[in-house]
Amino acid sequence: LASGQNKPDGLFVITPKLGPAFVEALPVRKFHGVGPATAD
């Protein structure tokens, strides 16, 4: 998830303290492993 945050030519870090909150705010459609049909 982090590698896609600052594309192109970007770097992003998600620490353990920030991880759960970062996930909570994200649309499930952006989750790796959740395809369009599953997201629907």
All heavy atoms as atom14 arrays in JSON, in Angstrom:
{
  "sequence": "LASGQNKPDGLFVITPKLGPAFVEALPVRKFHGVGPATAD",
  "atom14_mask": [
    [1, 1, 1, 1, 1, 1, 1, 1, 0, 0, 0, 0, 0, 0],
    [1, 1, 1, 1, 1, 0, 0, 0, 0, 0, 0, 0, 0, 0],
    [1, 1, 1, 1, 1, 1, 0, 0, 0, 0, 0, 0, 0, 0],
    [1, 1, 1, 1, 0, 0, 0, 0, 0, 0, 0, 0, 0, 0],
    [1, 1, 1, 1, 1, 1, 1, 1, 1, 0, 0, 0, 0, 0],
    [1, 1, 1, 1, 1, 1, 1, 1, 0, 0, 0, 0, 0, 0],
    [1, 1, 1, 1, 1, 1, 1, 1, 1, 0, 0, 0, 0, 0],
    [1, 1, 1, 1, 1, 1, 1, 0, 0, 0, 0, 0, 0, 0],
    [1, 1, 1, 1, 1, 1, 1, 1, 0, 0, 0, 0, 0, 0],
    [1, 1, 1, 1, 0, 0, 0, 0, 0, 0, 0, 0, 0, 0],
    [1, 1, 1, 1, 1, 1, 1, 1, 0, 0, 0, 0, 0, 0],
    [1, 1, 1, 1, 1, 1, 1, 1, 1, 1, 1, 0, 0, 0],
    [1, 1, 1, 1, 1, 1, 1, 0, 0, 0, 0, 0, 0, 0],
    [1, 1, 1, 1, 1, 1, 1, 1, 0, 0, 0, 0, 0, 0],
    [1, 1, 1, 1, 1, 1, 1, 0, 0, 0, 0, 0, 0, 0],
    [1, 1, 1, 1, 1, 1, 1, 0, 0, 0, 0, 0, 0, 0],
    [1, 1, 1, 1, 1, 1, 1, 1, 1, 0, 0, 0, 0, 0],
    [1, 1, 1, 1, 1, 1, 1, 1, 0, 0, 0, 0, 0, 0],
    [1, 1, 1, 1, 0, 0, 0, 0, 0, 0, 0, 0, 0, 0],
    [1, 1, 1, 1, 1, 1, 1, 0, 0, 0, 0, 0, 0, 0],
    [1, 1, 1, 1, 1, 0, 0, 0, 0, 0, 0, 0, 0, 0],
    [1, 1, 1, 1, 1, 1, 1, 1, 1, 1, 1, 0, 0, 0],
    [1, 1, 1, 1, 1, 1, 1, 0, 0, 0, 0, 0, 0, 0],
    [1, 1, 1, 1, 1, 1, 1, 1, 1, 0, 0, 0, 0, 0],
    [1, 1, 1, 1, 1, 0, 0, 0, 0, 0, 0, 0, 0, 0],
    [1, 1, 1, 1, 1, 1, 1, 1, 0, 0, 0, 0, 0, 0],
    [1, 1, 1, 1, 1, 1, 1, 0, 0, 0, 0, 0, 0, 0],
    [1, 1, 1, 1, 1, 1, 1, 0, 0, 0, 0, 0, 0, 0],
    [1, 1, 1, 1, 1, 1, 1, 1, 1, 1, 1, 0, 0, 0],
    [1, 1, 1, 1, 1, 1, 1, 1, 1, 0, 0, 0, 0, 0],
    [1, 1, 1, 1, 1, 1, 1, 1, 1, 1, 1, 0, 0, 0],
    [1, 1, 1, 1, 1, 1, 1, 1, 1, 1, 0, 0, 0, 0],
    [1, 1, 1, 1, 0, 0, 0, 0, 0, 0, 0, 0, 0, 0],
    [1, 1, 1, 1, 1, 1, 1, 0, 0, 0, 0, 0, 0, 0],
    [1, 1, 1, 1, 0, 0, 0, 0, 0, 0, 0, 0, 0, 0],
    [1, 1, 1, 1, 1, 1, 1, 0, 0, 0, 0, 0, 0, 0],
    [1, 1, 1, 1, 1, 0, 0, 0, 0, 0, 0, 0, 0, 0],
    [1, 1, 1, 1, 1, 1, 1, 0, 0, 0, 0, 0, 0, 0],
    [1, 1, 1, 1, 1, 0, 0, 0, 0, 0, 0, 0, 0, 0],
    [1, 1, 1, 1, 1, 1, 1, 1, 0, 0, 0, 0, 0, 0]
  ],
  "atom14_positions": [
    [[0.83, -1.2, 0.0], [0.0, 0.0, 0.0], [0.87, 1.25, 0.0], [0.58, 2.23, -0.7], [-0.92, 0.02, 1.22], [-2.08, -0.97, 1.25], [-2.87, -0.79, 2.54], [-3.01, -0.77, 0.05], [0.0, 0.0, 0.0], [0.0, 0.0, 0.0], [0.0, 0.0, 0.0], [0.0, 0.0, 0.0], [0.0, 0.0, 0.0], [0.0, 0.0, 0.0]],
    [[1.92, 1.24, 0.8], [2.77, 2.42, 0.95], [3.46, 2.79, -0.36], [3.62, 3.99, -0.66], [3.81, 2.18, 2.04], [0.0, 0.0, 0.0], [0.0, 0.0, 0.0], [0.0, 0.0, 0.0], [0.0, 0.0, 0.0], [0.0, 0.0, 0.0], [0.0, 0.0, 0.0], [0.0, 0.0, 0.0], [0.0, 0.0, 0.0], [0.0, 0.0, 0.0]],
    [[3.87, 1.81, -1.15], [4.62, 2.1, -2.37], [3.79, 2.88, -3.39], [4.33, 3.54, -4.27], [5.15, 0.82, -3.01], [4.08, 0.01, -3.49], [0.0, 0.0, 0.0], [0.0, 0.0, 0.0], [0.0, 0.0, 0.0], [0.0, 0.0, 0.0], [0.0, 0.0, 0.0], [0.0, 0.0, 0.0], [0.0, 0.0, 0.0], [0.0, 0.0, 0.0]],
    [[2.47, 2.8, -3.27], [1.62, 3.52, -4.21], [1.21, 4.91, -3.76], [0.54, 5.63, -4.5], [0.0, 0.0, 0.0], [0.0, 0.0, 0.0], [0.0, 0.0, 0.0], [0.0, 0.0, 0.0], [0.0, 0.0, 0.0], [0.0, 0.0, 0.0], [0.0, 0.0, 0.0], [0.0, 0.0, 0.0], [0.0, 0.0, 0.0], [0.0, 0.0, 0.0]],
    [[1.63, 5.31, -2.57], [1.15, 6.57, -2.01], [1.77, 7.8, -2.67], [1.1, 8.81, -2.85], [1.43, 6.61, -0.5], [0.59, 5.65, 0.31], [-0.9, 5.9, 0.13], [-1.41, 6.98, 0.43], [-1.6, 4.89, -0.37], [0.0, 0.0, 0.0], [0.0, 0.0, 0.0], [0.0, 0.0, 0.0], [0.0, 0.0, 0.0], [0.0, 0.0, 0.0]],
    [[3.05, 7.73, -3.02], [3.73, 8.92, -3.55], [4.28, 8.7, -4.96], [5.32, 9.23, -5.33], [4.88, 9.34, -2.62], [4.37, 9.98, -1.34], [3.29, 10.58, -1.32], [5.12, 9.86, -0.27], [0.0, 0.0, 0.0], [0.0, 0.0, 0.0], [0.0, 0.0, 0.0], [0.0, 0.0, 0.0], [0.0, 0.0, 0.0], [0.0, 0.0, 0.0]],
    [[3.6, 7.88, -5.74], [4.05, 7.64, -7.12], [3.81, 8.87, -7.98], [2.84, 9.59, -7.78], [3.27, 6.45, -7.71], [3.96, 5.12, -7.48], [3.23, 4.03, -8.22], [4.09, 2.79, -8.33], [5.22, 2.93, -9.22], [0.0, 0.0, 0.0], [0.0, 0.0, 0.0], [0.0, 0.0, 0.0], [0.0, 0.0, 0.0], [0.0, 0.0, 0.0]],
    [[4.69, 9.09, -8.99], [5.92, 8.34, -9.26], [7.11, 8.88, -8.47], [7.07, 9.98, -7.94], [6.11, 8.57, -10.77], [5.55, 9.95, -10.99], [4.38, 10.06, -10.05], [0.0, 0.0, 0.0], [0.0, 0.0, 0.0], [0.0, 0.0, 0.0], [0.0, 0.0, 0.0], [0.0, 0.0, 0.0], [0.0, 0.0, 0.0], [0.0, 0.0, 0.0]],
    [[8.18, 8.09, -8.45], [9.45, 8.48, -7.85], [9.28, 8.89, -6.38], [9.81, 9.92, -5.95], [10.09, 9.62, -8.65], [11.57, 9.79, -8.35], [12.17, 8.87, -7.77], [12.12, 10.87, -8.67], [0.0, 0.0, 0.0], [0.0, 0.0, 0.0], [0.0, 0.0, 0.0], [0.0, 0.0, 0.0], [0.0, 0.0, 0.0], [0.0, 0.0, 0.0]],
    [[8.52, 8.09, -5.63], [8.23, 8.45, -4.25], [8.59, 7.39, -3.24], [8.89, 6.25, -3.59], [0.0, 0.0, 0.0], [0.0, 0.0, 0.0], [0.0, 0.0, 0.0], [0.0, 0.0, 0.0], [0.0, 0.0, 0.0], [0.0, 0.0, 0.0], [0.0, 0.0, 0.0], [0.0, 0.0, 0.0], [0.0, 0.0, 0.0], [0.0, 0.0, 0.0]],
    [[8.55, 7.79, -1.98], [8.82, 6.89, -0.87], [7.83, 7.2, 0.25], [7.56, 8.37, 0.53], [10.25, 7.09, -0.36], [10.68, 6.32, 0.89], [10.69, 4.82, 0.62], [12.07, 6.78, 1.33], [0.0, 0.0, 0.0], [0.0, 0.0, 0.0], [0.0, 0.0, 0.0], [0.0, 0.0, 0.0], [0.0, 0.0, 0.0], [0.0, 0.0, 0.0]],
    [[7.27, 6.16, 0.86], [6.3, 6.35, 1.93], [6.51, 5.27, 2.98], [6.81, 4.12, 2.65], [4.88, 6.28, 1.38], [3.82, 6.78, 2.33], [3.58, 8.13, 2.48], [3.07, 5.89, 3.08], [2.61, 8.61, 3.35], [2.09, 6.35, 3.96], [1.86, 7.71, 4.09], [0.0, 0.0, 0.0], [0.0, 0.0, 0.0], [0.0, 0.0, 0.0]],
    [[6.37, 5.67, 4.25], [6.61, 4.76, 5.36], [5.35, 4.65, 6.22], [4.72, 5.67, 6.54], [7.77, 5.27, 6.24], [8.03, 4.29, 7.39], [9.03, 5.46, 5.42], [0.0, 0.0, 0.0], [0.0, 0.0, 0.0], [0.0, 0.0, 0.0], [0.0, 0.0, 0.0], [0.0, 0.0, 0.0], [0.0, 0.0, 0.0], [0.0, 0.0, 0.0]],
    [[4.98, 3.42, 6.58], [3.87, 3.18, 7.51], [4.43, 2.43, 8.71], [4.83, 1.28, 8.61], [2.74, 2.36, 6.85], [2.22, 3.07, 5.59], [1.6, 2.14, 7.84], [1.18, 2.27, 4.82], [0.0, 0.0, 0.0], [0.0, 0.0, 0.0], [0.0, 0.0, 0.0], [0.0, 0.0, 0.0], [0.0, 0.0, 0.0], [0.0, 0.0, 0.0]],
    [[4.48, 3.1, 9.85], [5.03, 2.5, 11.07], [3.96, 1.68, 11.78], [2.76, 1.81, 11.49], [5.52, 3.6, 12.02], [4.39, 4.36, 12.48], [6.5, 4.53, 11.33], [0.0, 0.0, 0.0], [0.0, 0.0, 0.0], [0.0, 0.0, 0.0], [0.0, 0.0, 0.0], [0.0, 0.0, 0.0], [0.0, 0.0, 0.0], [0.0, 0.0, 0.0]],
    [[4.35, 0.84, 12.73], [3.36, 0.06, 13.48], [2.32, 0.93, 14.19], [1.15, 0.57, 14.28], [4.22, -0.71, 14.49], [5.53, -0.88, 13.8], [5.73, 0.41, 13.04], [0.0, 0.0, 0.0], [0.0, 0.0, 0.0], [0.0, 0.0, 0.0], [0.0, 0.0, 0.0], [0.0, 0.0, 0.0], [0.0, 0.0, 0.0], [0.0, 0.0, 0.0]],
    [[2.73, 2.1, 14.68], [1.77, 2.97, 15.37], [0.74, 3.55, 14.41], [-0.4, 3.82, 14.79], [2.51, 4.1, 16.09], [3.23, 3.65, 17.36], [3.82, 4.83, 18.11], [4.47, 4.38, 19.42], [5.07, 5.52, 20.16], [0.0, 0.0, 0.0], [0.0, 0.0, 0.0], [0.0, 0.0, 0.0], [0.0, 0.0, 0.0], [0.0, 0.0, 0.0]],
    [[1.14, 3.75, 13.14], [0.25, 4.35, 12.17], [-0.53, 3.33, 11.34], [-1.53, 3.67, 10.73], [1.04, 5.25, 11.22], [1.74, 6.47, 11.84], [2.51, 7.22, 10.77], [0.71, 7.39, 12.49], [0.0, 0.0, 0.0], [0.0, 0.0, 0.0], [0.0, 0.0, 0.0], [0.0, 0.0, 0.0], [0.0, 0.0, 0.0], [0.0, 0.0, 0.0]],
    [[-0.06, 2.07, 11.32], [-0.64, 1.06, 10.44], [-2.14, 0.88, 10.54], [-2.87, 1.04, 9.56], [0.0, 0.0, 0.0], [0.0, 0.0, 0.0], [0.0, 0.0, 0.0], [0.0, 0.0, 0.0], [0.0, 0.0, 0.0], [0.0, 0.0, 0.0], [0.0, 0.0, 0.0], [0.0, 0.0, 0.0], [0.0, 0.0, 0.0], [0.0, 0.0, 0.0]],
    [[-2.68, 0.54, 11.74], [-4.12, 0.31, 11.84], [-4.96, 1.51, 11.42], [-5.96, 1.36, 10.72], [-4.31, -0.03, 13.33], [-2.99, -0.6, 13.74], [-1.97, 0.19, 12.98], [0.0, 0.0, 0.0], [0.0, 0.0, 0.0], [0.0, 0.0, 0.0], [0.0, 0.0, 0.0], [0.0, 0.0, 0.0], [0.0, 0.0, 0.0], [0.0, 0.0, 0.0]],
    [[-4.55, 2.72, 11.84], [-5.31, 3.92, 11.48], [-5.24, 4.18, 9.98], [-6.23, 4.62, 9.37], [-4.77, 5.12, 12.25], [0.0, 0.0, 0.0], [0.0, 0.0, 0.0], [0.0, 0.0, 0.0], [0.0, 0.0, 0.0], [0.0, 0.0, 0.0], [0.0, 0.0, 0.0], [0.0, 0.0, 0.0], [0.0, 0.0, 0.0], [0.0, 0.0, 0.0]],
    [[-4.09, 3.91, 9.37], [-3.94, 4.1, 7.93], [-4.91, 3.19, 7.18], [-5.56, 3.61, 6.22], [-2.5, 3.79, 7.52], [-2.22, 4.0, 6.06], [-1.86, 5.24, 5.58], [-2.32, 2.93, 5.16], [-1.6, 5.43, 4.22], [-2.08, 3.11, 3.82], [-1.71, 4.37, 3.35], [0.0, 0.0, 0.0], [0.0, 0.0, 0.0], [0.0, 0.0, 0.0]],
    [[-5.0, 1.95, 7.61], [-5.89, 0.98, 6.96], [-7.35, 1.39, 7.13], [-8.14, 1.3, 6.18], [-5.65, -0.43, 7.53], [-6.67, -1.41, 6.98], [-4.25, -0.91, 7.19], [0.0, 0.0, 0.0], [0.0, 0.0, 0.0], [0.0, 0.0, 0.0], [0.0, 0.0, 0.0], [0.0, 0.0, 0.0], [0.0, 0.0, 0.0], [0.0, 0.0, 0.0]],
    [[-7.71, 1.83, 8.31], [-9.1, 2.19, 8.59], [-9.62, 3.28, 7.66], [-10.78, 3.27, 7.25], [-9.25, 2.64, 10.04], [-9.15, 1.51, 11.06], [-9.26, 2.02, 12.48], [-9.45, 3.24, 12.67], [-9.15, 1.2, 13.41], [0.0, 0.0, 0.0], [0.0, 0.0, 0.0], [0.0, 0.0, 0.0], [0.0, 0.0, 0.0], [0.0, 0.0, 0.0]],
    [[-8.75, 4.22, 7.29], [-9.18, 5.35, 6.48], [-9.21, 5.05, 4.99], [-9.75, 5.83, 4.2], [-8.26, 6.55, 6.74], [0.0, 0.0, 0.0], [0.0, 0.0, 0.0], [0.0, 0.0, 0.0], [0.0, 0.0, 0.0], [0.0, 0.0, 0.0], [0.0, 0.0, 0.0], [0.0, 0.0, 0.0], [0.0, 0.0, 0.0], [0.0, 0.0, 0.0]],
    [[-8.66, 3.92, 4.58], [-8.49, 3.62, 3.16], [-9.71, 2.9, 2.57], [-10.29, 2.03, 3.22], [-7.26, 2.74, 2.99], [-6.49, 2.85, 1.67], [-5.9, 4.24, 1.52], [-5.38, 1.81, 1.63], [0.0, 0.0, 0.0], [0.0, 0.0, 0.0], [0.0, 0.0, 0.0], [0.0, 0.0, 0.0], [0.0, 0.0, 0.0], [0.0, 0.0, 0.0]],
    [[-10.12, 3.26, 1.35], [-11.19, 2.51, 0.68], [-10.74, 1.07, 0.43], [-9.57, 0.84, 0.07], [-11.38, 3.26, -0.64], [-10.8, 4.61, -0.42], [-9.68, 4.43, 0.55], [0.0, 0.0, 0.0], [0.0, 0.0, 0.0], [0.0, 0.0, 0.0], [0.0, 0.0, 0.0], [0.0, 0.0, 0.0], [0.0, 0.0, 0.0], [0.0, 0.0, 0.0]],
    [[-11.62, 0.11, 0.61], [-11.23, -1.3, 0.43], [-10.83, -1.58, -1.02], [-10.08, -2.53, -1.28], [-12.36, -2.26, 0.85], [-12.57, -2.2, 2.36], [-13.65, -1.97, 0.11], [0.0, 0.0, 0.0], [0.0, 0.0, 0.0], [0.0, 0.0, 0.0], [0.0, 0.0, 0.0], [0.0, 0.0, 0.0], [0.0, 0.0, 0.0], [0.0, 0.0, 0.0]],
    [[-11.29, -0.77, -1.95], [-10.92, -0.96, -3.36], [-9.42, -0.78, -3.59], [-8.88, -1.24, -4.6], [-11.68, 0.02, -4.26], [-13.16, -0.31, -4.37], [-13.9, 0.61, -5.31], [-15.31, 0.24, -5.39], [-15.79, -0.68, -6.19], [-14.96, -1.32, -7.02], [-17.06, -0.98, -6.21], [0.0, 0.0, 0.0], [0.0, 0.0, 0.0], [0.0, 0.0, 0.0]],
    [[-8.75, -0.12, -2.68], [-7.31, 0.1, -2.81], [-6.49, -0.97, -2.11], [-5.28, -0.96, -2.14], [-6.93, 1.48, -2.25], [-7.47, 2.64, -3.08], [-6.86, 3.96, -2.65], [-7.31, 5.08, -3.57], [-6.69, 6.38, -3.19], [0.0, 0.0, 0.0], [0.0, 0.0, 0.0], [0.0, 0.0, 0.0], [0.0, 0.0, 0.0], [0.0, 0.0, 0.0]],
    [[-7.17, -1.91, -1.45], [-6.47, -2.97, -0.75], [-5.91, -3.98, -1.75], [-6.62, -4.46, -2.63], [-7.41, -3.72, 0.2], [-7.73, -2.99, 1.47], [-7.49, -1.63, 1.6], [-8.29, -3.67, 2.53], [-7.79, -0.96, 2.77], [-8.61, -3.02, 3.72], [-8.36, -1.66, 3.84], [0.0, 0.0, 0.0], [0.0, 0.0, 0.0], [0.0, 0.0, 0.0]],
    [[-4.62, -4.33, -1.58], [-4.05, -5.41, -2.38], [-4.72, -6.72, -1.96], [-4.8, -7.03, -0.77], [-2.55, -5.51, -2.14], [-1.88, -6.59, -2.91], [-1.95, -6.68, -4.28], [-1.13, -7.64, -2.51], [-1.27, -7.72, -4.69], [-0.77, -8.34, -3.64], [0.0, 0.0, 0.0], [0.0, 0.0, 0.0], [0.0, 0.0, 0.0], [0.0, 0.0, 0.0]],
    [[-5.25, -7.46, -2.92], [-5.96, -8.69, -2.61], [-7.47, -8.54, -2.66], [-8.2, -9.53, -2.52], [0.0, 0.0, 0.0], [0.0, 0.0, 0.0], [0.0, 0.0, 0.0], [0.0, 0.0, 0.0], [0.0, 0.0, 0.0], [0.0, 0.0, 0.0], [0.0, 0.0, 0.0], [0.0, 0.0, 0.0], [0.0, 0.0, 0.0], [0.0, 0.0, 0.0]],
    [[-7.94, -7.31, -2.84], [-9.38, -7.07, -3.01], [-9.6, -6.59, -4.44], [-9.34, -5.42, -4.77], [-9.91, -6.02, -2.0], [-11.39, -5.73, -2.26], [-9.71, -6.52, -0.57], [0.0, 0.0, 0.0], [0.0, 0.0, 0.0], [0.0, 0.0, 0.0], [0.0, 0.0, 0.0], [0.0, 0.0, 0.0], [0.0, 0.0, 0.0], [0.0, 0.0, 0.0]],
    [[-10.04, -7.49, -5.31], [-10.27, -7.14, -6.71], [-11.6, -6.43, -6.89], [-12.38, -6.27, -5.95], [0.0, 0.0, 0.0], [0.0, 0.0, 0.0], [0.0, 0.0, 0.0], [0.0, 0.0, 0.0], [0.0, 0.0, 0.0], [0.0, 0.0, 0.0], [0.0, 0.0, 0.0], [0.0, 0.0, 0.0], [0.0, 0.0, 0.0], [0.0, 0.0, 0.0]],
    [[-11.88, -6.0, -8.12], [-13.12, -5.26, -8.4], [-14.38, -6.01, -8.0], [-15.3, -5.44, -7.42], [-13.06, -5.03, -9.91], [-11.6, -5.06, -10.24], [-11.01, -6.07, -9.31], [0.0, 0.0, 0.0], [0.0, 0.0, 0.0], [0.0, 0.0, 0.0], [0.0, 0.0, 0.0], [0.0, 0.0, 0.0], [0.0, 0.0, 0.0], [0.0, 0.0, 0.0]],
    [[-14.43, -7.32, -8.31], [-15.64, -8.09, -7.98], [-15.83, -8.19, -6.47], [-16.95, -8.04, -5.95], [-15.54, -9.49, -8.59], [0.0, 0.0, 0.0], [0.0, 0.0, 0.0], [0.0, 0.0, 0.0], [0.0, 0.0, 0.0], [0.0, 0.0, 0.0], [0.0, 0.0, 0.0], [0.0, 0.0, 0.0], [0.0, 0.0, 0.0], [0.0, 0.0, 0.0]],
    [[-14.73, -8.44, -5.74], [-14.82, -8.52, -4.28], [-15.19, -7.18, -3.68], [-15.99, -7.09, -2.74], [-13.49, -9.02, -3.68], [-13.2, -10.31, -4.22], [-13.56, -9.11, -2.17], [0.0, 0.0, 0.0], [0.0, 0.0, 0.0], [0.0, 0.0, 0.0], [0.0, 0.0, 0.0], [0.0, 0.0, 0.0], [0.0, 0.0, 0.0], [0.0, 0.0, 0.0]],
    [[-14.6, -6.1, -4.23], [-14.93, -4.76, -3.74], [-16.41, -4.45, -3.95], [-17.06, -3.85, -3.08], [-14.07, -3.72, -4.44], [0.0, 0.0, 0.0], [0.0, 0.0, 0.0], [0.0, 0.0, 0.0], [0.0, 0.0, 0.0], [0.0, 0.0, 0.0], [0.0, 0.0, 0.0], [0.0, 0.0, 0.0], [0.0, 0.0, 0.0], [0.0, 0.0, 0.0]],
    [[-16.95, -4.87, -5.09], [-18.39, -4.67, -5.35], [-19.23, -5.44, -4.34], [-20.24, -4.93, -3.82], [-18.74, -5.11, -6.77], [-18.19, -4.17, -7.83], [-17.85, -3.02, -7.48], [-18.1, -4.59, -9.0], [0.0, 0.0, 0.0], [0.0, 0.0, 0.0], [0.0, 0.0, 0.0], [0.0, 0.0, 0.0], [0.0, 0.0, 0.0], [0.0, 0.0, 0.0]]
  ]
}
